[in-house]
């Protein structure tokens, strides 16, 4: 498969890519079996030129990369990815959350 432009181009900018996965645990490992149970999500990150995602199949590549993290005890399945262009803004603290919840639900305060 020929890719245009070549992947060995000058890197323009580096972004953090967040790769979201489903996390599974093998509950039967110590008994010598397999019983995979979903245990929530897990996020991997990779820093790279996000333009590369335009000229490749990121779902295929990230799926293969995530697969390499699997073991007999835990497994990851690629779900999706996002480009993180900026550092997230802090929304608040636990105290802010509790205060806001108390304002919205005074009967629970």
PDB file of N, CA and C in Angstrom:
ATOM      1  N   UNK A   1       0.846  -1.170   0.000  1.00  0.00           N
ATOM      2  CA  UNK A   1       0.000   0.000   0.000  1.00  0.00           C
ATOM      3  C   UNK A   1       0.893   1.234   0.000  1.00  0.00           C
ATOM      4  N   UNK A   2       0.759   2.049  -1.003  1.00  0.00           N
ATOM      5  CA  UNK A   2       1.548   3.272  -1.087  1.00  0.00           C
ATOM      6  C   UNK A   2       0.818   4.387  -0.362  1.00  0.00           C
ATOM      7  N   UNK A   3       1.542   5.105   0.461  1.00  0.00           N
ATOM      8  CA  UNK A   3       0.966   6.174   1.260  1.00  0.00           C
ATOM      9  C   UNK A   3       1.497   7.496   0.745  1.00  0.00           C
ATOM     10  N   UNK A   4       0.610   8.440   0.493  1.00  0.00           N
ATOM     11  CA  UNK A   4       1.018   9.765   0.038  1.00  0.00           C
ATOM     12  C   UNK A   4       0.462  10.779   1.013  1.00  0.00           C
ATOM     13  N   UNK A   5       1.208  11.709   1.532  1.00  0.00           N
ATOM     14  CA  UNK A   5       2.644  11.852   1.372  1.00  0.00           C
ATOM     15  C   UNK A   5       3.390  10.794   2.180  1.00  0.00           C
ATOM     16  N   UNK A   6       4.688  10.656   1.925  1.00  0.00           N
ATOM     17  CA  UNK A   6       5.467   9.641   2.648  1.00  0.00           C
ATOM     18  C   UNK A   6       5.394   9.865   4.154  1.00  0.00           C
ATOM     19  N   UNK A   7       5.388   8.775   4.895  1.00  0.00           N
ATOM     20  CA  UNK A   7       5.313   8.880   6.351  1.00  0.00           C
ATOM     21  C   UNK A   7       6.597   9.430   6.947  1.00  0.00           C
ATOM     22  N   UNK A   8       7.671   9.407   6.196  1.00  0.00           N
ATOM     23  CA  UNK A   8       8.941   9.934   6.689  1.00  0.00           C
ATOM     24  C   UNK A   8       9.075  11.399   6.305  1.00  0.00           C
ATOM     25  N   UNK A   9       8.056  12.177   6.564  1.00  0.00           N
ATOM     26  CA  UNK A   9       8.087  13.605   6.261  1.00  0.00           C
ATOM     27  C   UNK A   9       8.546  14.374   7.489  1.00  0.00           C
ATOM     28  N   UNK A  10       8.764  15.643   7.309  1.00  0.00           N
ATOM     29  CA  UNK A  10       9.164  16.495   8.424  1.00  0.00           C
ATOM     30  C   UNK A  10       7.994  16.611   9.389  1.00  0.00           C
ATOM     31  N   UNK A  11       8.268  16.403  10.662  1.00  0.00           N
ATOM     32  CA  UNK A  11       7.220  16.492  11.677  1.00  0.00           C
ATOM     33  C   UNK A  11       6.908  17.962  11.918  1.00  0.00           C
ATOM     34  N   UNK A  12       5.629  18.284  11.764  1.00  0.00           N
ATOM     35  CA  UNK A  12       5.210  19.677  11.895  1.00  0.00           C
ATOM     36  C   UNK A  12       4.932  20.058  13.352  1.00  0.00           C
ATOM     37  N   UNK A  13       4.187  19.242  14.031  1.00  0.00           N
ATOM     38  CA  UNK A  13       3.903  19.521  15.436  1.00  0.00           C
ATOM     39  C   UNK A  13       3.574  18.213  16.144  1.00  0.00           C
ATOM     40  N   UNK A  14       3.883  18.188  17.413  1.00  0.00           N
ATOM     41  CA  UNK A  14       3.646  16.998  18.212  1.00  0.00           C
ATOM     42  C   UNK A  14       2.415  17.239  19.090  1.00  0.00           C
ATOM     43  N   UNK A  15       1.504  16.281  19.061  1.00  0.00           N
ATOM     44  CA  UNK A  15       0.325  16.332  19.910  1.00  0.00           C
ATOM     45  C   UNK A  15       0.249  15.049  20.716  1.00  0.00           C
ATOM     46  N   UNK A  16      -0.456  15.103  21.822  1.00  0.00           N
ATOM     47  CA  UNK A  16      -0.720  13.897  22.599  1.00  0.00           C
ATOM     48  C   UNK A  16      -2.001  13.276  22.045  1.00  0.00           C
ATOM     49  N   UNK A  17      -1.926  11.991  21.725  1.00  0.00           N
ATOM     50  CA  UNK A  17      -3.078  11.244  21.265  1.00  0.00           C
ATOM     51  C   UNK A  17      -3.503  10.336  22.410  1.00  0.00           C
ATOM     52  N   UNK A  18      -4.762  10.405  22.790  1.00  0.00           N
ATOM     53  CA  UNK A  18      -5.303   9.546  23.832  1.00  0.00           C
ATOM     54  C   UNK A  18      -6.013   8.379  23.157  1.00  0.00           C
ATOM     55  N   UNK A  19      -5.607   7.169  23.500  1.00  0.00           N
ATOM     56  CA  UNK A  19      -6.163   5.957  22.916  1.00  0.00           C
ATOM     57  C   UNK A  19      -7.019   5.284  23.996  1.00  0.00           C
ATOM     58  N   UNK A  20      -8.331   5.264  23.759  1.00  0.00           N
ATOM     59  CA  UNK A  20      -9.279   4.731  24.741  1.00  0.00           C
ATOM     60  C   UNK A  20      -9.546   3.255  24.461  1.00  0.00           C
ATOM     61  N   UNK A  21      -9.519   2.464  25.526  1.00  0.00           N
ATOM     62  CA  UNK A  21      -9.710   1.024  25.393  1.00  0.00           C
ATOM     63  C   UNK A  21     -10.702   0.507  26.432  1.00  0.00           C
ATOM     64  N   UNK A  22     -11.233  -0.680  26.159  1.00  0.00           N
ATOM     65  CA  UNK A  22     -11.986  -1.437  27.162  1.00  0.00           C
ATOM     66  C   UNK A  22     -10.979  -2.320  27.877  1.00  0.00           C
ATOM     67  N   UNK A  23     -11.014  -2.315  29.194  1.00  0.00           N
ATOM     68  CA  UNK A  23     -10.088  -3.100  30.008  1.00  0.00           C
ATOM     69  C   UNK A  23     -10.802  -4.355  30.511  1.00  0.00           C
ATOM     70  N   UNK A  24     -10.144  -5.506  30.364  1.00  0.00           N
ATOM     71  CA  UNK A  24     -10.682  -6.786  30.824  1.00  0.00           C
ATOM     72  C   UNK A  24      -9.687  -7.435  31.788  1.00  0.00           C
ATOM     73  N   UNK A  25     -10.216  -8.155  32.790  1.00  0.00           N
ATOM     74  CA  UNK A  25      -9.388  -8.964  33.681  1.00  0.00           C
ATOM     75  C   UNK A  25      -9.786 -10.423  33.518  1.00  0.00           C
ATOM     76  N   UNK A  26      -8.803 -11.308  33.595  1.00  0.00           N
ATOM     77  CA  UNK A  26      -9.045 -12.736  33.502  1.00  0.00           C
ATOM     78  C   UNK A  26      -9.246 -13.283  34.913  1.00  0.00           C
ATOM     79  N   UNK A  27     -10.494 -13.554  35.266  1.00  0.00           N
ATOM     80  CA  UNK A  27     -10.822 -14.014  36.608  1.00  0.00           C
ATOM     81  C   UNK A  27     -10.479 -15.484  36.840  1.00  0.00           C
ATOM     82  N   UNK A  28     -10.188 -16.235  35.784  1.00  0.00           N
ATOM     83  CA  UNK A  28      -9.905 -17.663  35.941  1.00  0.00           C
ATOM     84  C   UNK A  28      -8.434 -17.988  35.710  1.00  0.00           C
ATOM     85  N   UNK A  29      -7.598 -16.969  35.623  1.00  0.00           N
ATOM     86  CA  UNK A  29      -6.188 -17.202  35.309  1.00  0.00           C
ATOM     87  C   UNK A  29      -5.521 -18.151  36.298  1.00  0.00           C
ATOM     88  N   UNK A  30      -5.719 -17.926  37.575  1.00  0.00           N
ATOM     89  CA  UNK A  30      -5.015 -18.714  38.587  1.00  0.00           C
ATOM     90  C   UNK A  30      -5.552 -20.136  38.711  1.00  0.00           C
ATOM     91  N   UNK A  31      -6.687 -20.398  38.069  1.00  0.00           N
ATOM     92  CA  UNK A  31      -7.210 -21.760  37.995  1.00  0.00           C
ATOM     93  C   UNK A  31      -6.843 -22.412  36.669  1.00  0.00           C
ATOM     94  N   UNK A  32      -6.080 -21.702  35.844  1.00  0.00           N
ATOM     95  CA  UNK A  32      -5.644 -22.237  34.562  1.00  0.00           C
ATOM     96  C   UNK A  32      -6.627 -22.048  33.425  1.00  0.00           C
ATOM     97  N   UNK A  33      -7.616 -21.201  33.624  1.00  0.00           N
ATOM     98  CA  UNK A  33      -8.632 -21.003  32.581  1.00  0.00           C
ATOM     99  C   UNK A  33      -8.704 -19.563  32.091  1.00  0.00           C
ATOM    100  N   UNK A  34      -9.759 -19.300  31.374  1.00  0.00           N
ATOM    101  CA  UNK A  34     -10.023 -17.946  30.898  1.00  0.00           C
ATOM    102  C   UNK A  34     -11.466 -17.579  31.199  1.00  0.00           C
ATOM    103  N   UNK A  35     -11.636 -16.487  31.884  1.00  0.00           N
ATOM    104  CA  UNK A  35     -12.953 -15.908  32.126  1.00  0.00           C
ATOM    105  C   UNK A  35     -12.747 -14.399  32.163  1.00  0.00           C
ATOM    106  N   UNK A  36     -12.911 -13.756  31.007  1.00  0.00           N
ATOM    107  CA  UNK A  36     -12.625 -12.334  30.874  1.00  0.00           C
ATOM    108  C   UNK A  36     -13.827 -11.513  31.313  1.00  0.00           C
ATOM    109  N   UNK A  37     -13.569 -10.549  32.169  1.00  0.00           N
ATOM    110  CA  UNK A  37     -14.628  -9.681  32.681  1.00  0.00           C
ATOM    111  C   UNK A  37     -14.253  -8.228  32.413  1.00  0.00           C
ATOM    112  N   UNK A  38     -15.213  -7.474  31.869  1.00  0.00           N
ATOM    113  CA  UNK A  38     -14.989  -6.040  31.639  1.00  0.00           C
ATOM    114  C   UNK A  38     -14.806  -5.343  32.981  1.00  0.00           C
ATOM    115  N   UNK A  39     -13.795  -4.489  33.044  1.00  0.00           N
ATOM    116  CA  UNK A  39     -13.503  -3.788  34.289  1.00  0.00           C
ATOM    117  C   UNK A  39     -13.407  -2.275  34.090  1.00  0.00           C
ATOM    118  N   UNK A  40     -14.024  -1.774  33.041  1.00  0.00           N
ATOM    119  CA  UNK A  40     -13.998  -0.336  32.807  1.00  0.00           C
ATOM    120  C   UNK A  40     -13.059   0.026  31.685  1.00  0.00           C
ATOM    121  N   UNK A  41     -12.726   1.285  31.625  1.00  0.00           N
ATOM    122  CA  UNK A  41     -11.869   1.768  30.556  1.00  0.00           C
ATOM    123  C   UNK A  41     -10.445   1.995  31.014  1.00  0.00           C
ATOM    124  N   UNK A  42      -9.561   2.031  30.041  1.00  0.00           N
ATOM    125  CA  UNK A  42      -8.158   2.368  30.294  1.00  0.00           C
ATOM    126  C   UNK A  42      -7.710   3.240  29.126  1.00  0.00           C
ATOM    127  N   UNK A  43      -6.934   4.263  29.411  1.00  0.00           N
ATOM    128  CA  UNK A  43      -6.472   5.179  28.374  1.00  0.00           C
ATOM    129  C   UNK A  43      -4.963   5.114  28.257  1.00  0.00           C
ATOM    130  N   UNK A  44      -4.498   4.898  27.042  1.00  0.00           N
ATOM    131  CA  UNK A  44      -3.081   4.964  26.710  1.00  0.00           C
ATOM    132  C   UNK A  44      -2.830   6.312  26.048  1.00  0.00           C
ATOM    133  N   UNK A  45      -1.591   6.774  26.065  1.00  0.00           N
ATOM    134  CA  UNK A  45      -1.261   8.013  25.356  1.00  0.00           C
ATOM    135  C   UNK A  45      -0.003   7.795  24.527  1.00  0.00           C
ATOM    136  N   UNK A  46       0.068   8.555  23.459  1.00  0.00           N
ATOM    137  CA  UNK A  46       1.239   8.530  22.585  1.00  0.00           C
ATOM    138  C   UNK A  46       1.427   9.950  22.062  1.00  0.00           C
ATOM    139  N   UNK A  47       2.669  10.412  22.057  1.00  0.00           N
ATOM    140  CA  UNK A  47       2.967  11.736  21.516  1.00  0.00           C
ATOM    141  C   UNK A  47       3.505  11.562  20.114  1.00  0.00           C
ATOM    142  N   UNK A  48       2.850  12.235  19.152  1.00  0.00           N
ATOM    143  CA  UNK A  48       3.209  12.069  17.750  1.00  0.00           C
ATOM    144  C   UNK A  48       2.625  13.212  16.927  1.00  0.00           C
ATOM    145  N   UNK A  49       3.055  13.299  15.690  1.00  0.00           N
ATOM    146  CA  UNK A  49       2.493  14.262  14.752  1.00  0.00           C
ATOM    147  C   UNK A  49       1.104  13.766  14.368  1.00  0.00           C
ATOM    148  N   UNK A  50       0.079  14.476  14.759  1.00  0.00           N
ATOM    149  CA  UNK A  50      -1.302  14.042  14.517  1.00  0.00           C
ATOM    150  C   UNK A  50      -1.627  13.972  13.029  1.00  0.00           C
ATOM    151  N   UNK A  51      -0.875  14.656  12.183  1.00  0.00           N
ATOM    152  CA  UNK A  51      -1.112  14.586  10.740  1.00  0.00           C
ATOM    153  C   UNK A  51      -0.925  13.164  10.204  1.00  0.00           C
ATOM    154  N   UNK A  52      -0.108  12.351  10.876  1.00  0.00           N
ATOM    155  CA  UNK A  52       0.076  10.964  10.442  1.00  0.00           C
ATOM    156  C   UNK A  52      -1.240  10.193  10.456  1.00  0.00           C
ATOM    157  N   UNK A  53      -2.165  10.603  11.312  1.00  0.00           N
ATOM    158  CA  UNK A  53      -3.453   9.915  11.401  1.00  0.00           C
ATOM    159  C   UNK A  53      -4.272  10.076  10.122  1.00  0.00           C
ATOM    160  N   UNK A  54      -3.977  11.132   9.357  1.00  0.00           N
ATOM    161  CA  UNK A  54      -4.714  11.396   8.120  1.00  0.00           C
ATOM    162  C   UNK A  54      -4.305  10.462   6.990  1.00  0.00           C
ATOM    163  N   UNK A  55      -3.106   9.910   7.061  1.00  0.00           N
ATOM    164  CA  UNK A  55      -2.548   9.129   5.954  1.00  0.00           C
ATOM    165  C   UNK A  55      -2.399   7.650   6.272  1.00  0.00           C
ATOM    166  N   UNK A  56      -2.966   7.230   7.393  1.00  0.00           N
ATOM    167  CA  UNK A  56      -2.891   5.837   7.818  1.00  0.00           C
ATOM    168  C   UNK A  56      -4.269   5.420   8.327  1.00  0.00           C
ATOM    169  N   UNK A  57      -4.376   4.208   8.784  1.00  0.00           N
ATOM    170  CA  UNK A  57      -5.605   3.723   9.417  1.00  0.00           C
ATOM    171  C   UNK A  57      -5.336   3.655  10.919  1.00  0.00           C
ATOM    172  N   UNK A  58      -5.606   4.755  11.647  1.00  0.00           N
ATOM    173  CA  UNK A  58      -5.243   4.779  13.068  1.00  0.00           C
ATOM    174  C   UNK A  58      -5.932   3.687  13.880  1.00  0.00           C
ATOM    175  N   UNK A  59      -7.165   3.331  13.548  1.00  0.00           N
ATOM    176  CA  UNK A  59      -7.846   2.276  14.301  1.00  0.00           C
ATOM    177  C   UNK A  59      -7.085   0.957  14.176  1.00  0.00           C
ATOM    178  N   UNK A  60      -6.612   0.649  12.985  1.00  0.00           N
ATOM    179  CA  UNK A  60      -5.857  -0.581  12.769  1.00  0.00           C
ATOM    180  C   UNK A  60      -4.522  -0.544  13.507  1.00  0.00           C
ATOM    181  N   UNK A  61      -3.818   0.568  13.398  1.00  0.00           N
ATOM    182  CA  UNK A  61      -2.489   0.691  14.019  1.00  0.00           C
ATOM    183  C   UNK A  61      -2.611   0.687  15.545  1.00  0.00           C
ATOM    184  N   UNK A  62      -3.526   1.504  16.085  1.00  0.00           N
ATOM    185  CA  UNK A  62      -3.680   1.555  17.536  1.00  0.00           C
ATOM    186  C   UNK A  62      -4.184   0.219  18.086  1.00  0.00           C
ATOM    187  N   UNK A  63      -5.062  -0.463  17.355  1.00  0.00           N
ATOM    188  CA  UNK A  63      -5.528  -1.785  17.799  1.00  0.00           C
ATOM    189  C   UNK A  63      -4.354  -2.737  17.961  1.00  0.00           C
ATOM    190  N   UNK A  64      -3.461  -2.738  16.984  1.00  0.00           N
ATOM    191  CA  UNK A  64      -2.286  -3.616  17.038  1.00  0.00           C
ATOM    192  C   UNK A  64      -1.357  -3.214  18.184  1.00  0.00           C
ATOM    193  N   UNK A  65      -1.152  -1.914  18.373  1.00  0.00           N
ATOM    194  CA  UNK A  65      -0.294  -1.440  19.457  1.00  0.00           C
ATOM    195  C   UNK A  65      -0.880  -1.800  20.821  1.00  0.00           C
ATOM    196  N   UNK A  66      -2.188  -1.633  20.971  1.00  0.00           N
ATOM    197  CA  UNK A  66      -2.866  -1.954  22.230  1.00  0.00           C
ATOM    198  C   UNK A  66      -2.793  -3.453  22.493  1.00  0.00           C
ATOM    199  N   UNK A  67      -2.956  -4.247  21.452  1.00  0.00           N
ATOM    200  CA  UNK A  67      -2.888  -5.705  21.576  1.00  0.00           C
ATOM    201  C   UNK A  67      -1.555  -6.151  22.176  1.00  0.00           C
ATOM    202  N   UNK A  68      -0.498  -5.418  21.874  1.00  0.00           N
ATOM    203  CA  UNK A  68       0.824  -5.788  22.393  1.00  0.00           C
ATOM    204  C   UNK A  68       0.930  -5.594  23.908  1.00  0.00           C
ATOM    205  N   UNK A  69      -0.038  -4.920  24.505  1.00  0.00           N
ATOM    206  CA  UNK A  69      -0.050  -4.698  25.958  1.00  0.00           C
ATOM    207  C   UNK A  69      -0.784  -5.809  26.706  1.00  0.00           C
ATOM    208  N   UNK A  70      -1.428  -6.718  25.961  1.00  0.00           N
ATOM    209  CA  UNK A  70      -2.210  -7.793  26.581  1.00  0.00           C
ATOM    210  C   UNK A  70      -1.309  -8.816  27.263  1.00  0.00           C
ATOM    211  N   UNK A  71      -1.854  -9.452  28.291  1.00  0.00           N
ATOM    212  CA  UNK A  71      -1.155 -10.539  28.982  1.00  0.00           C
ATOM    213  C   UNK A  71      -2.183 -11.608  29.351  1.00  0.00           C
ATOM    214  N   UNK A  72      -1.740 -12.625  30.061  1.00  0.00           N
ATOM    215  CA  UNK A  72      -2.665 -13.665  30.511  1.00  0.00           C
ATOM    216  C   UNK A  72      -3.637 -13.142  31.568  1.00  0.00           C
ATOM    217  N   UNK A  73      -3.278 -12.047  32.223  1.00  0.00           N
ATOM    218  CA  UNK A  73      -4.089 -11.503  33.310  1.00  0.00           C
ATOM    219  C   UNK A  73      -5.005 -10.363  32.882  1.00  0.00           C
ATOM    220  N   UNK A  74      -4.555  -9.582  31.907  1.00  0.00           N
ATOM    221  CA  UNK A  74      -5.353  -8.442  31.490  1.00  0.00           C
ATOM    222  C   UNK A  74      -5.323  -8.297  29.976  1.00  0.00           C
ATOM    223  N   UNK A  75      -6.397  -7.694  29.458  1.00  0.00           N
ATOM    224  CA  UNK A  75      -6.552  -7.529  28.020  1.00  0.00           C
ATOM    225  C   UNK A  75      -7.156  -6.150  27.762  1.00  0.00           C
ATOM    226  N   UNK A  76      -6.769  -5.564  26.651  1.00  0.00           N
ATOM    227  CA  UNK A  76      -7.279  -4.262  26.249  1.00  0.00           C
ATOM    228  C   UNK A  76      -7.838  -4.361  24.835  1.00  0.00           C
ATOM    229  N   UNK A  77      -8.972  -3.706  24.602  1.00  0.00           N
ATOM    230  CA  UNK A  77      -9.564  -3.670  23.269  1.00  0.00           C
ATOM    231  C   UNK A  77      -9.721  -2.211  22.857  1.00  0.00           C
ATOM    232  N   UNK A  78      -9.141  -1.862  21.719  1.00  0.00           N
ATOM    233  CA  UNK A  78      -9.219  -0.490  21.208  1.00  0.00           C
ATOM    234  C   UNK A  78     -10.675  -0.079  21.004  1.00  0.00           C
ATOM    235  N   UNK A  79     -11.031   1.118  21.461  1.00  0.00           N
ATOM    236  CA  UNK A  79     -12.364   1.675  21.239  1.00  0.00           C
ATOM    237  C   UNK A  79     -12.313   2.873  20.306  1.00  0.00           C
ATOM    238  N   UNK A  80     -11.512   3.874  20.676  1.00  0.00           N
ATOM    239  CA  UNK A  80     -11.367   5.060  19.838  1.00  0.00           C
ATOM    240  C   UNK A  80     -10.164   5.869  20.306  1.00  0.00           C
ATOM    241  N   UNK A  81      -9.947   6.991  19.654  1.00  0.00           N
ATOM    242  CA  UNK A  81      -8.821   7.854  20.029  1.00  0.00           C
ATOM    243  C   UNK A  81      -9.233   9.306  19.846  1.00  0.00           C
ATOM    244  N   UNK A  82      -8.485  10.172  20.476  1.00  0.00           N
ATOM    245  CA  UNK A  82      -8.718  11.605  20.315  1.00  0.00           C
ATOM    246  C   UNK A  82      -7.391  12.339  20.374  1.00  0.00           C
ATOM    247  N   UNK A  83      -7.345  13.438  19.657  1.00  0.00           N
ATOM    248  CA  UNK A  83      -6.152  14.280  19.656  1.00  0.00           C
ATOM    249  C   UNK A  83      -6.336  15.317  20.755  1.00  0.00           C
ATOM    250  N   UNK A  84      -5.372  15.393  21.639  1.00  0.00           N
ATOM    251  CA  UNK A  84      -5.429  16.369  22.718  1.00  0.00           C
ATOM    252  C   UNK A  84      -4.583  17.570  22.292  1.00  0.00           C
ATOM    253  N   UNK A  85      -5.251  18.585  21.784  1.00  0.00           N
ATOM    254  CA  UNK A  85      -4.555  19.762  21.284  1.00  0.00           C
ATOM    255  C   UNK A  85      -4.074  20.673  22.408  1.00  0.00           C
ATOM    256  N   UNK A  86      -4.792  20.662  23.530  1.00  0.00           N
ATOM    257  CA  UNK A  86      -4.460  21.549  24.641  1.00  0.00           C
ATOM    258  C   UNK A  86      -4.462  20.758  25.942  1.00  0.00           C
ATOM    259  N   UNK A  87      -3.782  21.297  26.930  1.00  0.00           N
ATOM    260  CA  UNK A  87      -3.823  20.721  28.264  1.00  0.00           C
ATOM    261  C   UNK A  87      -5.218  20.973  28.836  1.00  0.00           C
ATOM    262  N   UNK A  88      -5.861  19.964  29.401  1.00  0.00           N
ATOM    263  CA  UNK A  88      -7.202  20.166  29.951  1.00  0.00           C
ATOM    264  C   UNK A  88      -7.224  21.250  31.028  1.00  0.00           C
ATOM    265  N   UNK A  89      -8.332  21.967  31.079  1.00  0.00           N
ATOM    266  CA  UNK A  89      -8.548  22.987  32.093  1.00  0.00           C
ATOM    267  C   UNK A  89      -9.107  22.321  33.338  1.00  0.00           C
ATOM    268  N   UNK A  90      -8.570  22.651  34.491  1.00  0.00           N
ATOM    269  CA  UNK A  90      -9.062  22.078  35.746  1.00  0.00           C
ATOM    270  C   UNK A  90     -10.458  22.635  36.004  1.00  0.00           C
ATOM    271  N   UNK A  91     -11.409  21.752  36.195  1.00  0.00           N
ATOM    272  CA  UNK A  91     -12.804  22.139  36.416  1.00  0.00           C
ATOM    273  C   UNK A  91     -13.051  22.558  37.853  1.00  0.00           C
ATOM    274  N   UNK A  92     -12.346  21.969  38.771  1.00  0.00           N
ATOM    275  CA  UNK A  92     -12.538  22.289  40.181  1.00  0.00           C
ATOM    276  C   UNK A  92     -11.902  21.217  41.034  1.00  0.00           C
ATOM    277  N   UNK A  93     -12.347  21.165  42.274  1.00  0.00           N
ATOM    278  CA  UNK A  93     -11.827  20.197  43.241  1.00  0.00           C
ATOM    279  C   UNK A  93     -12.972  19.320  43.742  1.00  0.00           C
ATOM    280  N   UNK A  94     -12.638  18.343  44.547  1.00  0.00           N
ATOM    281  CA  UNK A  94     -13.674  17.509  45.166  1.00  0.00           C
ATOM    282  C   UNK A  94     -14.593  18.373  46.020  1.00  0.00           C
ATOM    283  N   UNK A  95     -14.023  19.339  46.714  1.00  0.00           N
ATOM    284  CA  UNK A  95     -14.830  20.233  47.545  1.00  0.00           C
ATOM    285  C   UNK A  95     -15.801  21.031  46.687  1.00  0.00           C
ATOM    286  N   UNK A  96     -15.357  21.496  45.519  1.00  0.00           N
ATOM    287  CA  UNK A  96     -16.249  22.221  44.599  1.00  0.00           C
ATOM    288  C   UNK A  96     -17.405  21.324  44.161  1.00  0.00           C
ATOM    289  N   UNK A  97     -17.099  20.074  43.889  1.00  0.00           N
ATOM    290  CA  UNK A  97     -18.124  19.124  43.462  1.00  0.00           C
ATOM    291  C   UNK A  97     -19.158  18.921  44.570  1.00  0.00           C
ATOM    292  N   UNK A  98     -18.671  18.703  45.798  1.00  0.00           N
ATOM    293  CA  UNK A  98     -19.573  18.474  46.931  1.00  0.00           C
ATOM    294  C   UNK A  98     -20.432  19.706  47.180  1.00  0.00           C
ATOM    295  N   UNK A  99     -19.834  20.887  47.115  1.00  0.00           N
ATOM    296  CA  UNK A  99     -20.571  22.139  47.332  1.00  0.00           C
ATOM    297  C   UNK A  99     -21.658  22.304  46.280  1.00  0.00           C
ATOM    298  N   UNK A 100     -21.323  22.088  45.029  1.00  0.00           N
ATOM    299  CA  UNK A 100     -22.299  22.237  43.948  1.00  0.00           C
ATOM    300  C   UNK A 100     -23.418  21.221  44.087  1.00  0.00           C
ATOM    301  N   UNK A 101     -23.067  19.983  44.431  1.00  0.00           N
ATOM    302  CA  UNK A 101     -24.089  18.957  44.638  1.00  0.00           C
ATOM    303  C   UNK A 101     -25.017  19.342  45.782  1.00  0.00           C
ATOM    304  N   UNK A 102     -24.462  19.905  46.853  1.00  0.00           N
ATOM    305  CA  UNK A 102     -25.276  20.336  47.992  1.00  0.00           C
ATOM    306  C   UNK A 102     -26.233  21.453  47.596  1.00  0.00           C
ATOM    307  N   UNK A 103     -25.780  22.357  46.742  1.00  0.00           N
ATOM    308  CA  UNK A 103     -26.638  23.446  46.260  1.00  0.00           C
ATOM    309  C   UNK A 103     -27.777  22.908  45.399  1.00  0.00           C
ATOM    310  N   UNK A 104     -27.471  21.903  44.591  1.00  0.00           N
ATOM    311  CA  UNK A 104     -28.486  21.325  43.712  1.00  0.00           C
ATOM    312  C   UNK A 104     -29.432  20.378  44.453  1.00  0.00           C
ATOM    313  N   UNK A 105     -28.924  19.755  45.502  1.00  0.00           N
ATOM    314  CA  UNK A 105     -29.705  18.770  46.262  1.00  0.00           C
ATOM    315  C   UNK A 105     -29.580  19.046  47.765  1.00  0.00           C
ATOM    316  N   UNK A 106     -30.194  20.123  48.247  1.00  0.00           N
ATOM    317  CA  UNK A 106     -30.021  20.484  49.672  1.00  0.00           C
ATOM    318  C   UNK A 106     -30.506  19.402  50.643  1.00  0.00           C
ATOM    319  N   UNK A 107     -31.437  18.566  50.188  1.00  0.00           N
ATOM    320  CA  UNK A 107     -31.937  17.495  51.059  1.00  0.00           C
ATOM    321  C   UNK A 107     -30.874  16.432  51.332  1.00  0.00           C
ATOM    322  N   UNK A 108     -29.830  16.376  50.510  1.00  0.00           N
ATOM    323  CA  UNK A 108     -28.760  15.408  50.690  1.00  0.00           C
ATOM    324  C   UNK A 108     -27.573  15.966  51.478  1.00  0.00           C
ATOM    325  N   UNK A 109     -27.607  17.266  51.714  1.00  0.00           N
ATOM    326  CA  UNK A 109     -26.463  17.916  52.378  1.00  0.00           C
ATOM    327  C   UNK A 109     -26.422  17.599  53.863  1.00  0.00           C
TER     328      UNK A 109
END
